[in-house]
Amino acid sequence: MSKWNVDIDRETDGRWIADVTDIPGCMVYGTTREEAIRKAEVLALRVIADRLDAGETVPFIDDAFLVPA
């Protein structure tokens, strides 16, 4: 399984923004850098779970599970 890139930046108002670049729309704000990263990780996992539950393919985790033939 590949690693997902998380871009971190600080807004002019002091908030931190974290964007999981490999998952469109997976962007969150936090009051601290650590909070923004944690929220981004949680949102990324929720998006992936929702896609799998809906029967969508999630290419970047296709090799995450080893199912015997």
Protein backbone atom coordinates (compact mmCIF):
# COMPACT_ATOMS: atom_id res chain seq x y z
CA MET A 1 0.00 0.00 0.00
CA SER A 2 1.33 3.39 -0.87
CA LYS A 3 1.59 6.32 1.47
CA TRP A 4 -0.68 9.35 1.02
CA ASN A 5 0.74 12.84 0.82
CA VAL A 6 -0.57 15.40 3.29
CA ASP A 7 0.16 19.03 2.48
CA ILE A 8 0.19 21.33 5.51
CA ASP A 9 -0.01 25.10 5.44
CA ARG A 10 -0.86 27.88 7.84
CA GLU A 11 -3.50 30.44 6.90
CA THR A 12 -3.03 34.16 7.60
CA ASP A 13 -5.63 33.93 10.40
CA GLY A 14 -3.50 31.31 12.19
CA ARG A 15 -5.52 28.21 11.33
CA TRP A 16 -3.74 25.19 9.92
CA ILE A 17 -4.98 23.48 6.77
CA ALA A 18 -4.20 19.88 5.87
CA ASP A 19 -4.94 18.46 2.42
CA VAL A 20 -4.63 14.77 1.53
CA THR A 21 -3.63 15.39 -2.07
CA ASP A 22 -4.34 11.83 -3.26
CA ILE A 23 -8.00 12.04 -2.19
CA PRO A 24 -9.89 14.87 -3.90
CA GLY A 25 -11.79 17.06 -1.46
CA CYS A 26 -10.04 15.66 1.60
CA MET A 27 -9.07 18.95 3.21
CA VAL A 28 -9.56 20.09 6.81
CA TYR A 29 -8.70 22.93 9.16
CA GLY A 30 -7.28 22.68 12.66
CA THR A 31 -6.27 25.10 15.38
CA THR A 32 -2.88 23.39 15.61
CA ARG A 33 -0.71 21.62 13.04
CA GLU A 34 -1.17 18.31 14.85
CA GLU A 35 -4.95 18.70 14.98
CA ALA A 36 -5.13 19.43 11.25
CA ILE A 37 -3.03 16.34 10.45
CA ARG A 38 -5.14 14.12 12.71
CA LYS A 39 -8.39 15.41 11.21
CA ALA A 40 -7.04 14.85 7.69
CA GLU A 41 -6.12 11.25 8.50
CA VAL A 42 -9.56 10.59 9.99
CA LEU A 43 -11.37 12.15 7.02
CA ALA A 44 -9.25 10.20 4.53
CA LEU A 45 -10.15 6.90 6.20
CA ARG A 46 -13.84 7.83 6.28
CA VAL A 47 -13.84 8.75 2.59
CA ILE A 48 -12.15 5.46 1.71
CA ALA A 49 -14.58 3.45 3.87
CA ASP A 50 -17.58 5.22 2.32
CA ARG A 51 -16.31 4.53 -1.21
CA LEU A 52 -15.72 0.86 -0.44
CA ASP A 53 -19.14 0.58 1.20
CA ALA A 54 -20.73 2.09 -1.93
CA GLY A 55 -19.01 -0.54 -4.08
CA GLU A 56 -16.60 1.91 -5.68
CA THR A 57 -13.07 0.87 -6.46
CA VAL A 58 -10.35 2.61 -4.54
CA PRO A 59 -7.25 2.11 -6.68
CA PHE A 60 -4.67 3.21 -4.13
CA ILE A 61 -5.66 0.47 -1.66
CA ASP A 62 -6.27 -2.39 -4.11
CA ASP A 63 -3.17 -4.19 -2.84
CA ALA A 64 -3.93 -3.60 0.85
CA PHE A 65 -5.74 -6.94 1.34
CA LEU A 66 -4.44 -10.38 0.54
CA VAL A 67 -7.35 -12.70 -0.20
CA PRO A 68 -6.52 -16.34 -0.98
CA ALA A 69 -7.82 -17.67 -4.30
